Amino acid sequence: MATSSLYLKRNDTRPVLQVTLLNPDRTAHDLTGATAVTLLVHVDGSVVSRAMSIDDIPSGIVSYSWVAADWPSLKLGRHRMEYQKVGPSPAKLTFPNFGYDYLVVLEDLDDA
């Protein structure tokens, strides 16, 4: 999985974050048996954790739809993101496995 960046203006709830979880050999990670996938965003020394939707099990596609309640936790700037799958085996697996994706939060000029 090549690392990538998602840009959002502060307080926006679109675009939806959608990612394909890839194995180290760049094949899609099959999510059969997964009990959860969690979005983790590192912000100011803390980790913001959000449950993701599993959109396509065999293709490893997951998504997160931003909501207004996310914004008190998310600050302006560039933040590391990763995705953790739980179950069945291995019990926990983190993507991307060699780095991070990034969430870039930009100022919304009217801050509304």
PDB file of N, CA and C in Angstrom:
ATOM      1  N   MET A   1       0.853  -1.171   0.000  1.00  0.00           N
ATOM      2  CA  MET A   1       0.000   0.000   0.000  1.00  0.00           C
ATOM      3  C   MET A   1       0.893   1.226   0.000  1.00  0.00           C
ATOM      4  N   ALA A   2       0.868   1.965  -1.065  1.00  0.00           N
ATOM      5  CA  ALA A   2       1.609   3.219  -1.090  1.00  0.00           C
ATOM      6  C   ALA A   2       0.911   4.202  -0.159  1.00  0.00           C
ATOM      7  N   THR A   3       1.686   4.943   0.603  1.00  0.00           N
ATOM      8  CA  THR A   3       1.056   5.909   1.492  1.00  0.00           C
ATOM      9  C   THR A   3       0.398   6.998   0.660  1.00  0.00           C
ATOM     10  N   SER A   4      -0.705   7.519   1.176  1.00  0.00           N
ATOM     11  CA  SER A   4      -1.439   8.559   0.465  1.00  0.00           C
ATOM     12  C   SER A   4      -1.952   9.580   1.466  1.00  0.00           C
ATOM     13  N   SER A   5      -2.439  10.693   0.933  1.00  0.00           N
ATOM     14  CA  SER A   5      -2.962  11.760   1.781  1.00  0.00           C
ATOM     15  C   SER A   5      -4.390  12.080   1.383  1.00  0.00           C
ATOM     16  N   LEU A   6      -5.208  12.350   2.391  1.00  0.00           N
ATOM     17  CA  LEU A   6      -6.567  12.833   2.184  1.00  0.00           C
ATOM     18  C   LEU A   6      -6.604  14.252   2.721  1.00  0.00           C
ATOM     19  N   TYR A   7      -7.104  15.177   1.918  1.00  0.00           N
ATOM     20  CA  TYR A   7      -7.211  16.580   2.309  1.00  0.00           C
ATOM     21  C   TYR A   7      -8.658  16.891   2.635  1.00  0.00           C
ATOM     22  N   LEU A   8      -8.880  17.522   3.791  1.00  0.00           N
ATOM     23  CA  LEU A   8     -10.205  17.977   4.206  1.00  0.00           C
ATOM     24  C   LEU A   8     -10.090  19.407   4.710  1.00  0.00           C
ATOM     25  N   LYS A   9     -11.098  20.206   4.417  1.00  0.00           N
ATOM     26  CA  LYS A   9     -11.189  21.523   5.050  1.00  0.00           C
ATOM     27  C   LYS A   9     -11.872  21.308   6.398  1.00  0.00           C
ATOM     28  N   ARG A  10     -11.412  22.044   7.407  1.00  0.00           N
ATOM     29  CA  ARG A  10     -11.970  21.906   8.751  1.00  0.00           C
ATOM     30  C   ARG A  10     -13.488  22.010   8.706  1.00  0.00           C
ATOM     31  N   ASN A  11     -14.169  21.112   9.395  1.00  0.00           N
ATOM     32  CA  ASN A  11     -15.628  21.010   9.526  1.00  0.00           C
ATOM     33  C   ASN A  11     -16.322  20.354   8.338  1.00  0.00           C
ATOM     34  N   ASP A  12     -15.596  19.984   7.267  1.00  0.00           N
ATOM     35  CA  ASP A  12     -16.232  19.272   6.151  1.00  0.00           C
ATOM     36  C   ASP A  12     -16.510  17.827   6.543  1.00  0.00           C
ATOM     37  N   THR A  13     -17.548  17.261   5.963  1.00  0.00           N
ATOM     38  CA  THR A  13     -17.871  15.856   6.211  1.00  0.00           C
ATOM     39  C   THR A  13     -17.746  15.010   4.942  1.00  0.00           C
ATOM     40  N   ARG A  14     -17.231  15.579   3.883  1.00  0.00           N
ATOM     41  CA  ARG A  14     -16.954  14.880   2.632  1.00  0.00           C
ATOM     42  C   ARG A  14     -15.607  15.353   2.125  1.00  0.00           C
ATOM     43  N   PRO A  15     -14.834  14.560   1.446  1.00  0.00           N
ATOM     44  CA  PRO A  15     -15.171  13.252   0.902  1.00  0.00           C
ATOM     45  C   PRO A  15     -15.053  12.151   1.950  1.00  0.00           C
ATOM     46  N   VAL A  16     -15.759  11.077   1.682  1.00  0.00           N
ATOM     47  CA  VAL A  16     -15.654   9.878   2.507  1.00  0.00           C
ATOM     48  C   VAL A  16     -14.243   9.318   2.324  1.00  0.00           C
ATOM     49  N   LEU A  17     -13.643   8.875   3.400  1.00  0.00           N
ATOM     50  CA  LEU A  17     -12.348   8.191   3.334  1.00  0.00           C
ATOM     51  C   LEU A  17     -12.624   6.744   2.925  1.00  0.00           C
ATOM     52  N   GLN A  18     -12.104   6.323   1.783  1.00  0.00           N
ATOM     53  CA  GLN A  18     -12.250   4.933   1.349  1.00  0.00           C
ATOM     54  C   GLN A  18     -10.876   4.420   0.955  1.00  0.00           C
ATOM     55  N   VAL A  19     -10.493   3.290   1.524  1.00  0.00           N
ATOM     56  CA  VAL A  19      -9.174   2.718   1.255  1.00  0.00           C
ATOM     57  C   VAL A  19      -9.296   1.228   0.982  1.00  0.00           C
ATOM     58  N   THR A  20      -8.337   0.733   0.214  1.00  0.00           N
ATOM     59  CA  THR A  20      -8.197  -0.700  -0.005  1.00  0.00           C
ATOM     60  C   THR A  20      -7.002  -1.159   0.825  1.00  0.00           C
ATOM     61  N   LEU A  21      -7.240  -2.065   1.725  1.00  0.00           N
ATOM     62  CA  LEU A  21      -6.169  -2.594   2.565  1.00  0.00           C
ATOM     63  C   LEU A  21      -5.368  -3.593   1.741  1.00  0.00           C
ATOM     64  N   LEU A  22      -4.045  -3.367   1.664  1.00  0.00           N
ATOM     65  CA  LEU A  22      -3.191  -4.196   0.825  1.00  0.00           C
ATOM     66  C   LEU A  22      -2.179  -4.965   1.653  1.00  0.00           C
ATOM     67  N   ASN A  23      -1.942  -6.200   1.243  1.00  0.00           N
ATOM     68  CA  ASN A  23      -0.884  -7.020   1.819  1.00  0.00           C
ATOM     69  C   ASN A  23       0.466  -6.474   1.351  1.00  0.00           C
ATOM     70  N   PRO A  24       1.573  -6.894   1.986  1.00  0.00           N
ATOM     71  CA  PRO A  24       2.887  -6.414   1.563  1.00  0.00           C
ATOM     72  C   PRO A  24       3.188  -6.682   0.082  1.00  0.00           C
ATOM     73  N   ASP A  25       2.592  -7.731  -0.507  1.00  0.00           N
ATOM     74  CA  ASP A  25       2.831  -8.021  -1.930  1.00  0.00           C
ATOM     75  C   ASP A  25       1.883  -7.229  -2.838  1.00  0.00           C
ATOM     76  N   ARG A  26       1.146  -6.267  -2.256  1.00  0.00           N
ATOM     77  CA  ARG A  26       0.248  -5.350  -2.952  1.00  0.00           C
ATOM     78  C   ARG A  26      -1.052  -5.994  -3.431  1.00  0.00           C
ATOM     79  N   THR A  27      -1.352  -7.222  -2.984  1.00  0.00           N
ATOM     80  CA  THR A  27      -2.654  -7.817  -3.270  1.00  0.00           C
ATOM     81  C   THR A  27      -3.640  -7.326  -2.210  1.00  0.00           C
ATOM     82  N   ALA A  28      -4.919  -7.324  -2.575  1.00  0.00           N
ATOM     83  CA  ALA A  28      -5.954  -6.904  -1.630  1.00  0.00           C
ATOM     84  C   ALA A  28      -6.006  -7.869  -0.454  1.00  0.00           C
ATOM     85  N   HIS A  29      -6.162  -7.318   0.739  1.00  0.00           N
ATOM     86  CA  HIS A  29      -6.261  -8.144   1.940  1.00  0.00           C
ATOM     87  C   HIS A  29      -7.718  -8.581   2.110  1.00  0.00           C
ATOM     88  N   ASP A  30      -7.965  -9.877   2.079  1.00  0.00           N
ATOM     89  CA  ASP A  30      -9.310 -10.430   2.246  1.00  0.00           C
ATOM     90  C   ASP A  30      -9.743 -10.244   3.700  1.00  0.00           C
ATOM     91  N   LEU A  31     -10.883  -9.609   3.893  1.00  0.00           N
ATOM     92  CA  LEU A  31     -11.378  -9.327   5.248  1.00  0.00           C
ATOM     93  C   LEU A  31     -12.370 -10.375   5.759  1.00  0.00           C
ATOM     94  N   THR A  32     -12.414 -11.534   5.123  1.00  0.00           N
ATOM     95  CA  THR A  32     -13.295 -12.605   5.585  1.00  0.00           C
ATOM     96  C   THR A  32     -12.977 -12.929   7.041  1.00  0.00           C
ATOM     97  N   GLY A  33     -13.990 -12.909   7.883  1.00  0.00           N
ATOM     98  CA  GLY A  33     -13.824 -13.216   9.298  1.00  0.00           C
ATOM     99  C   GLY A  33     -13.412 -12.032  10.159  1.00  0.00           C
ATOM    100  N   ALA A  34     -13.119 -10.898   9.541  1.00  0.00           N
ATOM    101  CA  ALA A  34     -12.746  -9.726  10.336  1.00  0.00           C
ATOM    102  C   ALA A  34     -13.921  -9.299  11.203  1.00  0.00           C
ATOM    103  N   THR A  35     -13.643  -8.971  12.442  1.00  0.00           N
ATOM    104  CA  THR A  35     -14.705  -8.525  13.342  1.00  0.00           C
ATOM    105  C   THR A  35     -14.815  -7.017  13.406  1.00  0.00           C
ATOM    106  N   ALA A  36     -13.738  -6.303  13.007  1.00  0.00           N
ATOM    107  CA  ALA A  36     -13.765  -4.836  13.024  1.00  0.00           C
ATOM    108  C   ALA A  36     -12.562  -4.298  12.264  1.00  0.00           C
ATOM    109  N   VAL A  37     -12.740  -3.096  11.713  1.00  0.00           N
ATOM    110  CA  VAL A  37     -11.625  -2.325  11.175  1.00  0.00           C
ATOM    111  C   VAL A  37     -11.752  -0.930  11.780  1.00  0.00           C
ATOM    112  N   THR A  38     -10.652  -0.417  12.305  1.00  0.00           N
ATOM    113  CA  THR A  38     -10.658   0.859  13.008  1.00  0.00           C
ATOM    114  C   THR A  38      -9.701   1.834  12.338  1.00  0.00           C
ATOM    115  N   LEU A  39     -10.165   3.064  12.152  1.00  0.00           N
ATOM    116  CA  LEU A  39      -9.329   4.165  11.677  1.00  0.00           C
ATOM    117  C   LEU A  39      -8.649   4.773  12.889  1.00  0.00           C
ATOM    118  N   LEU A  40      -7.335   4.941  12.820  1.00  0.00           N
ATOM    119  CA  LEU A  40      -6.579   5.577  13.889  1.00  0.00           C
ATOM    120  C   LEU A  40      -5.872   6.797  13.307  1.00  0.00           C
ATOM    121  N   VAL A  41      -6.086   7.965  13.926  1.00  0.00           N
ATOM    122  CA  VAL A  41      -5.458   9.205  13.484  1.00  0.00           C
ATOM    123  C   VAL A  41      -4.667   9.764  14.657  1.00  0.00           C
ATOM    124  N   HIS A  42      -3.382  10.025  14.446  1.00  0.00           N
ATOM    125  CA  HIS A  42      -2.512  10.561  15.492  1.00  0.00           C
ATOM    126  C   HIS A  42      -2.598  12.084  15.462  1.00  0.00           C
ATOM    127  N   VAL A  43      -3.139  12.684  16.532  1.00  0.00           N
ATOM    128  CA  VAL A  43      -3.324  14.131  16.610  1.00  0.00           C
ATOM    129  C   VAL A  43      -2.750  14.635  17.931  1.00  0.00           C
ATOM    130  N   ASP A  44      -1.731  15.486  17.854  1.00  0.00           N
ATOM    131  CA  ASP A  44      -1.159  16.130  19.041  1.00  0.00           C
ATOM    132  C   ASP A  44      -0.835  15.151  20.168  1.00  0.00           C
ATOM    133  N   GLY A  45      -0.220  14.034  19.834  1.00  0.00           N
ATOM    134  CA  GLY A  45       0.189  13.078  20.847  1.00  0.00           C
ATOM    135  C   GLY A  45      -0.891  12.121  21.309  1.00  0.00           C
ATOM    136  N   SER A  46      -2.096  12.263  20.776  1.00  0.00           N
ATOM    137  CA  SER A  46      -3.204  11.365  21.113  1.00  0.00           C
ATOM    138  C   SER A  46      -3.641  10.619  19.865  1.00  0.00           C
ATOM    139  N   VAL A  47      -4.398   9.555  20.057  1.00  0.00           N
ATOM    140  CA  VAL A  47      -4.920   8.794  18.931  1.00  0.00           C
ATOM    141  C   VAL A  47      -6.440   8.901  18.923  1.00  0.00           C
ATOM    142  N   VAL A  48      -6.957   9.381  17.796  1.00  0.00           N
ATOM    143  CA  VAL A  48      -8.401   9.437  17.577  1.00  0.00           C
ATOM    144  C   VAL A  48      -8.781   8.132  16.885  1.00  0.00           C
ATOM    145  N   SER A  49      -9.742   7.419  17.438  1.00  0.00           N
ATOM    146  CA  SER A  49     -10.129   6.102  16.949  1.00  0.00           C
ATOM    147  C   SER A  49     -11.578   6.128  16.485  1.00  0.00           C
ATOM    148  N   ARG A  50     -11.836   5.618  15.268  1.00  0.00           N
ATOM    149  CA  ARG A  50     -13.190   5.581  14.718  1.00  0.00           C
ATOM    150  C   ARG A  50     -13.432   4.241  14.029  1.00  0.00           C
ATOM    151  N   ALA A  51     -14.609   3.665  14.238  1.00  0.00           N
ATOM    152  CA  ALA A  51     -14.987   2.416  13.574  1.00  0.00           C
ATOM    153  C   ALA A  51     -15.229   2.682  12.095  1.00  0.00           C
ATOM    154  N   MET A  52     -14.676   1.811  11.248  1.00  0.00           N
ATOM    155  CA  MET A  52     -14.849   1.929   9.803  1.00  0.00           C
ATOM    156  C   MET A  52     -15.877   0.913   9.324  1.00  0.00           C
ATOM    157  N   SER A  53     -16.461   1.184   8.167  1.00  0.00           N
ATOM    158  CA  SER A  53     -17.370   0.242   7.511  1.00  0.00           C
ATOM    159  C   SER A  53     -16.552  -0.660   6.600  1.00  0.00           C
ATOM    160  N   ILE A  54     -16.911  -1.923   6.570  1.00  0.00           N
ATOM    161  CA  ILE A  54     -16.297  -2.859   5.623  1.00  0.00           C
ATOM    162  C   ILE A  54     -17.214  -2.886   4.413  1.00  0.00           C
ATOM    163  N   ASP A  55     -16.711  -2.367   3.277  1.00  0.00           N
ATOM    164  CA  ASP A  55     -17.529  -2.215   2.081  1.00  0.00           C
ATOM    165  C   ASP A  55     -17.446  -3.405   1.140  1.00  0.00           C
ATOM    166  N   ASP A  56     -16.296  -4.052   1.060  1.00  0.00           N
ATOM    167  CA  ASP A  56     -16.098  -5.174   0.137  1.00  0.00           C
ATOM    168  C   ASP A  56     -15.112  -6.128   0.801  1.00  0.00           C
ATOM    169  N   ILE A  57     -15.634  -7.223   1.329  1.00  0.00           N
ATOM    170  CA  ILE A  57     -14.817  -8.155   2.120  1.00  0.00           C
ATOM    171  C   ILE A  57     -13.656  -8.742   1.326  1.00  0.00           C
ATOM    172  N   PRO A  58     -13.888  -9.392   0.163  1.00  0.00           N
ATOM    173  CA  PRO A  58     -12.746 -10.018  -0.518  1.00  0.00           C
ATOM    174  C   PRO A  58     -11.755  -9.011  -1.102  1.00  0.00           C
ATOM    175  N   SER A  59     -12.212  -7.801  -1.400  1.00  0.00           N
ATOM    176  CA  SER A  59     -11.325  -6.792  -1.988  1.00  0.00           C
ATOM    177  C   SER A  59     -10.669  -5.896  -0.949  1.00  0.00           C
ATOM    178  N   GLY A  60     -10.977  -6.095   0.340  1.00  0.00           N
ATOM    179  CA  GLY A  60     -10.334  -5.345   1.414  1.00  0.00           C
ATOM    180  C   GLY A  60     -10.665  -3.861   1.422  1.00  0.00           C
ATOM    181  N   ILE A  61     -11.850  -3.481   0.960  1.00  0.00           N
ATOM    182  CA  ILE A  61     -12.217  -2.066   0.882  1.00  0.00           C
ATOM    183  C   ILE A  61     -13.004  -1.668   2.126  1.00  0.00           C
ATOM    184  N   VAL A  62     -12.534  -0.607   2.782  1.00  0.00           N
ATOM    185  CA  VAL A  62     -13.175  -0.078   3.987  1.00  0.00           C
ATOM    186  C   VAL A  62     -13.371   1.423   3.821  1.00  0.00           C
ATOM    187  N   SER A  63     -14.280   2.003   4.626  1.00  0.00           N
ATOM    188  CA  SER A  63     -14.524   3.444   4.508  1.00  0.00           C
ATOM    189  C   SER A  63     -14.911   4.032   5.859  1.00  0.00           C
ATOM    190  N   TYR A  64     -14.768   5.355   5.909  1.00  0.00           N
ATOM    191  CA  TYR A  64     -15.223   6.116   7.066  1.00  0.00           C
ATOM    192  C   TYR A  64     -15.864   7.403   6.568  1.00  0.00           C
ATOM    193  N   SER A  65     -17.075   7.682   7.036  1.00  0.00           N
ATOM    194  CA  SER A  65     -17.781   8.919   6.704  1.00  0.00           C
ATOM    195  C   SER A  65     -17.615   9.887   7.862  1.00  0.00           C
ATOM    196  N   TRP A  66     -16.975  11.005   7.600  1.00  0.00           N
ATOM    197  CA  TRP A  66     -16.735  12.023   8.617  1.00  0.00           C
ATOM    198  C   TRP A  66     -18.057  12.598   9.105  1.00  0.00           C
ATOM    199  N   VAL A  67     -18.115  12.953  10.387  1.00  0.00           N
ATOM    200  CA  VAL A  67     -19.304  13.571  10.974  1.00  0.00           C
ATOM    201  C   VAL A  67     -18.867  14.827  11.733  1.00  0.00           C
ATOM    202  N   ALA A  68     -19.805  15.717  11.957  1.00  0.00           N
ATOM    203  CA  ALA A  68     -19.486  16.976  12.640  1.00  0.00           C
ATOM    204  C   ALA A  68     -18.816  16.740  13.994  1.00  0.00           C
ATOM    205  N   ALA A  69     -19.192  15.678  14.675  1.00  0.00           N
ATOM    206  CA  ALA A  69     -18.630  15.387  15.999  1.00  0.00           C
ATOM    207  C   ALA A  69     -17.135  15.036  15.948  1.00  0.00           C
ATOM    208  N   ASP A  70     -16.579  14.769  14.756  1.00  0.00           N
ATOM    209  CA  ASP A  70     -15.145  14.479  14.635  1.00  0.00           C
ATOM    210  C   ASP A  70     -14.287  15.721  14.852  1.00  0.00           C
ATOM    211  N   TRP A  71     -14.828  16.895  14.558  1.00  0.00           N
ATOM    212  CA  TRP A  71     -13.988  18.080  14.462  1.00  0.00           C
ATOM    213  C   TRP A  71     -13.401  18.603  15.768  1.00  0.00           C
ATOM    214  N   PRO A  72     -14.016  18.444  16.908  1.00  0.00           N
ATOM    215  CA  PRO A  72     -13.311  18.865  18.128  1.00  0.00           C
ATOM    216  C   PRO A  72     -12.002  18.095  18.353  1.00  0.00           C
ATOM    217  N   SER A  73     -11.902  16.865  17.827  1.00  0.00           N
ATOM    218  CA  SER A  73     -10.702  16.039  18.002  1.00  0.00           C
ATOM    219  C   SER A  73      -9.638  16.277  16.937  1.00  0.00           C
ATOM    220  N   LEU A  74     -10.042  16.792  15.770  1.00  0.00           N
ATOM    221  CA  LEU A  74      -9.117  16.945  14.647  1.00  0.00           C
ATOM    222  C   LEU A  74      -8.661  18.385  14.533  1.00  0.00           C
ATOM    223  N   LYS A  75      -7.372  18.591  14.490  1.00  0.00           N
ATOM    224  CA  LYS A  75      -6.774  19.928  14.444  1.00  0.00           C
ATOM    225  C   LYS A  75      -6.217  20.191  13.052  1.00  0.00           C
ATOM    226  N   LEU A  76      -5.926  21.458  12.758  1.00  0.00           N
ATOM    227  CA  LEU A  76      -5.278  21.808  11.502  1.00  0.00           C
ATOM    228  C   LEU A  76      -3.917  21.142  11.433  1.00  0.00           C
ATOM    229  N   GLY A  77      -3.519  20.723  10.239  1.00  0.00           N
ATOM    230  CA  GLY A  77      -2.195  20.143  10.062  1.00  0.00           C
ATOM    231  C   GLY A  77      -2.233  18.787   9.387  1.00  0.00           C
ATOM    232  N   ARG A  78      -1.080  18.135   9.402  1.00  0.00           N
ATOM    233  CA  ARG A  78      -0.896  16.826   8.759  1.00  0.00           C
ATOM    234  C   ARG A  78      -0.780  15.775   9.856  1.00  0.00           C
ATOM    235  N   HIS A  79      -1.642  14.758   9.782  1.00  0.00           N
ATOM    236  CA  HIS A  79      -1.727  13.749  10.837  1.00  0.00           C
ATOM    237  C   HIS A  79      -1.549  12.350  10.247  1.00  0.00           C
ATOM    238  N   ARG A  80      -0.778  11.513  10.942  1.00  0.00           N
ATOM    239  CA  ARG A  80      -0.599  10.121  10.511  1.00  0.00           C
ATOM    240  C   ARG A  80      -1.893   9.342  10.719  1.00  0.00           C
ATOM    241  N   MET A  81      -2.193   8.454   9.754  1.00  0.00           N
ATOM    242  CA  MET A  81      -3.360   7.576   9.856  1.00  0.00           C
ATOM    243  C   MET A  81      -2.927   6.139   9.588  1.00  0.00           C
ATOM    244  N   GLU A  82      -3.615   5.223  10.251  1.00  0.00           N
ATOM    245  CA  GLU A  82      -3.472   3.805   9.940  1.00  0.00           C
ATOM    246  C   GLU A  82      -4.798   3.123  10.210  1.00  0.00           C
ATOM    247  N   TYR A  83      -4.888   1.871   9.773  1.00  0.00           N
ATOM    248  CA  TYR A  83      -6.138   1.117   9.847  1.00  0.00           C
ATOM    249  C   TYR A  83      -5.827  -0.219  10.495  1.00  0.00           C
ATOM    250  N   GLN A  84      -6.593  -0.580  11.530  1.00  0.00           N
ATOM    251  CA  GLN A  84      -6.354  -1.847  12.223  1.00  0.00           C
ATOM    252  C   GLN A  84      -7.531  -2.780  12.000  1.00  0.00           C
ATOM    253  N   LYS A  85      -7.186  -3.981  11.546  1.00  0.00           N
ATOM    254  CA  LYS A  85      -8.172  -5.043  11.372  1.00  0.00           C
ATOM    255  C   LYS A  85      -8.051  -5.986  12.555  1.00  0.00           C
ATOM    256  N   VAL A  86      -9.181  -6.404  13.089  1.00  0.00           N
ATOM    257  CA  VAL A  86      -9.200  -7.368  14.184  1.00  0.00           C
ATOM    258  C   VAL A  86      -9.898  -8.632  13.707  1.00  0.00           C
ATOM    259  N   GLY A  87      -9.292  -9.781  13.965  1.00  0.00           N
ATOM    260  CA  GLY A  87      -9.842 -11.093  13.681  1.00  0.00           C
ATOM    261  C   GLY A  87      -9.741 -11.471  12.212  1.00  0.00           C
ATOM    262  N   PRO A  88      -9.816 -12.708  11.869  1.00  0.00           N
ATOM    263  CA  PRO A  88      -9.668 -13.864  12.739  1.00  0.00           C
ATOM    264  C   PRO A  88      -8.202 -14.206  12.992  1.00  0.00           C
ATOM    265  N   SER A  89      -7.365 -14.221  11.951  1.00  0.00           N
ATOM    266  CA  SER A  89      -5.963 -14.540  12.141  1.00  0.00           C
ATOM    267  C   SER A  89      -5.150 -13.779  11.104  1.00  0.00           C
ATOM    268  N   PRO A  90      -4.124 -13.036  11.442  1.00  0.00           N
ATOM    269  CA  PRO A  90      -3.732 -12.785  12.824  1.00  0.00           C
ATOM    270  C   PRO A  90      -4.796 -11.980  13.541  1.00  0.00           C
ATOM    271  N   ALA A  91      -4.770 -12.052  14.850  1.00  0.00           N
ATOM    272  CA  ALA A  91      -5.809 -11.410  15.652  1.00  0.00           C
ATOM    273  C   ALA A  91      -5.863  -9.909  15.398  1.00  0.00           C
ATOM    274  N   LYS A  92      -4.723  -9.264  15.181  1.00  0.00           N
ATOM    275  CA  LYS A  92      -4.666  -7.829  14.887  1.00  0.00           C
ATOM    276  C   LYS A  92      -3.647  -7.614  13.777  1.00  0.00           C
ATOM    277  N   LEU A  93      -4.033  -6.809  12.791  1.00  0.00           N
ATOM    278  CA  LEU A  93      -3.146  -6.505  11.679  1.00  0.00           C
ATOM    279  C   LEU A  93      -3.333  -5.047  11.317  1.00  0.00           C
ATOM    280  N   THR A  94      -2.220  -4.300  11.127  1.00  0.00           N
ATOM    281  CA  THR A  94      -2.271  -2.863  10.877  1.00  0.00           C
ATOM    282  C   THR A  94      -1.807  -2.547   9.460  1.00  0.00           C
ATOM    283  N   PHE A  95      -2.513  -1.619   8.807  1.00  0.00           N
ATOM    284  CA  PHE A  95      -2.212  -1.187   7.440  1.00  0.00           C
ATOM    285  C   PHE A  95      -2.002   0.317   7.423  1.00  0.00           C
ATOM    286  N   PRO A  96      -1.204   0.881   6.536  1.00  0.00           N
ATOM    287  CA  PRO A  96      -0.178   0.157   5.800  1.00  0.00           C
ATOM    288  C   PRO A  96       0.874  -0.370   6.768  1.00  0.00           C
ATOM    289  N   ASN A  97       1.521  -1.466   6.407  1.00  0.00           N
ATOM    290  CA  ASN A  97       2.440  -2.105   7.356  1.00  0.00           C
ATOM    291  C   ASN A  97       3.838  -1.501   7.330  1.00  0.00           C
ATOM    292  N   PHE A  98       4.140  -0.580   6.409  1.00  0.00           N
ATOM    293  CA  PHE A  98       5.496  -0.029   6.310  1.00  0.00           C
ATOM    294  C   PHE A  98       5.554   1.483   6.508  1.00  0.00           C
ATOM    295  N   GLY A  99       4.449   2.112   6.846  1.00  0.00           N
ATOM    296  CA  GLY A  99       4.427   3.559   7.023  1.00  0.00           C
ATOM    297  C   GLY A  99       3.039   3.995   7.429  1.00  0.00           C
ATOM    298  N   TYR A 100       2.644   5.169   6.986  1.00  0.00           N
ATOM    299  CA  TYR A 100       1.341   5.715   7.354  1.00  0.00           C
ATOM    300  C   TYR A 100       0.695   6.387   6.152  1.00  0.00           C
ATOM    301  N   ASP A 101      -0.613   6.486   6.177  1.00  0.00           N
ATOM    302  CA  ASP A 101      -1.328   7.407   5.314  1.00  0.00           C
ATOM    303  C   ASP A 101      -1.442   8.701   6.108  1.00  0.00           C
ATOM    304  N   TYR A 102      -1.877   9.764   5.454  1.00  0.00           N
ATOM    305  CA  TYR A 102      -1.948  11.058   6.128  1.00  0.00           C
ATOM    306  C   TYR A 102      -3.291  11.732   5.899  1.00  0.00           C
ATOM    307  N   LEU A 103      -3.789  12.356   6.958  1.00  0.00           N
ATOM    308  CA  LEU A 103      -4.950  13.228   6.893  1.00  0.00           C
ATOM    309  C   LEU A 103      -4.423  14.648   7.013  1.00  0.00           C
ATOM    310  N   VAL A 104      -4.723  15.472   6.017  1.00  0.00           N
ATOM    311  CA  VAL A 104      -4.296  16.863   6.035  1.00  0.00           C
ATOM    312  C   VAL A 104      -5.540  17.713   6.222  1.00  0.00           C
ATOM    313  N   VAL A 105      -5.607  18.411   7.353  1.00  0.00           N
ATOM    314  CA  VAL A 105      -6.757  19.268   7.667  1.00  0.00           C
ATOM    315  C   VAL A 105      -6.347  20.714   7.385  1.00  0.00           C
ATOM    316  N   LEU A 106      -7.083  21.336   6.476  1.00  0.00           N
ATOM    317  CA  LEU A 106      -6.817  22.713   6.073  1.00  0.00           C
ATOM    318  C   LEU A 106      -7.845  23.638   6.685  1.00  0.00           C
ATOM    319  N   GLU A 107      -7.483  24.898   6.816  1.00  0.00           N
ATOM    320  CA  GLU A 107      -8.383  25.904   7.368  1.00  0.00           C
ATOM    321  C   GLU A 107      -9.580  26.097   6.440  1.00  0.00           C
ATOM    322  N   ASP A 108     -10.754  26.169   7.032  1.00  0.00           N
ATOM    323  CA  ASP A 108     -11.977  26.522   6.322  1.00  0.00           C
ATOM    324  C   ASP A 108     -12.143  28.033   6.519  1.00  0.00           C
ATOM    325  N   LEU A 109     -12.127  28.806   5.453  1.00  0.00           N
ATOM    326  CA  LEU A 109     -12.041  30.257   5.568  1.00  0.00           C
ATOM    327  C   LEU A 109     -13.174  30.879   6.365  1.00  0.00           C
ATOM    328  N   ASP A 110     -14.378  30.278   6.325  1.00  0.00           N
ATOM    329  CA  ASP A 110     -15.457  30.863   7.146  1.00  0.00           C
ATOM    330  C   ASP A 110     -15.640  30.107   8.455  1.00  0.00           C
ATOM    331  N   ASP A 111     -14.846  29.023   8.670  1.00  0.00           N
ATOM    332  CA  ASP A 111     -14.857  28.217   9.901  1.00  0.00           C
ATOM    333  C   ASP A 111     -16.265  27.877  10.366  1.00  0.00           C
ATOM    334  N   ALA A 112     -17.133  27.560   9.404  1.00  0.00           N
ATOM    335  CA  ALA A 112     -18.526  27.203   9.755  1.00  0.00           C
ATOM    336  C   ALA A 112     -18.768  25.734   9.522  1.00  0.00           C
TER     337      ALA A 112
END
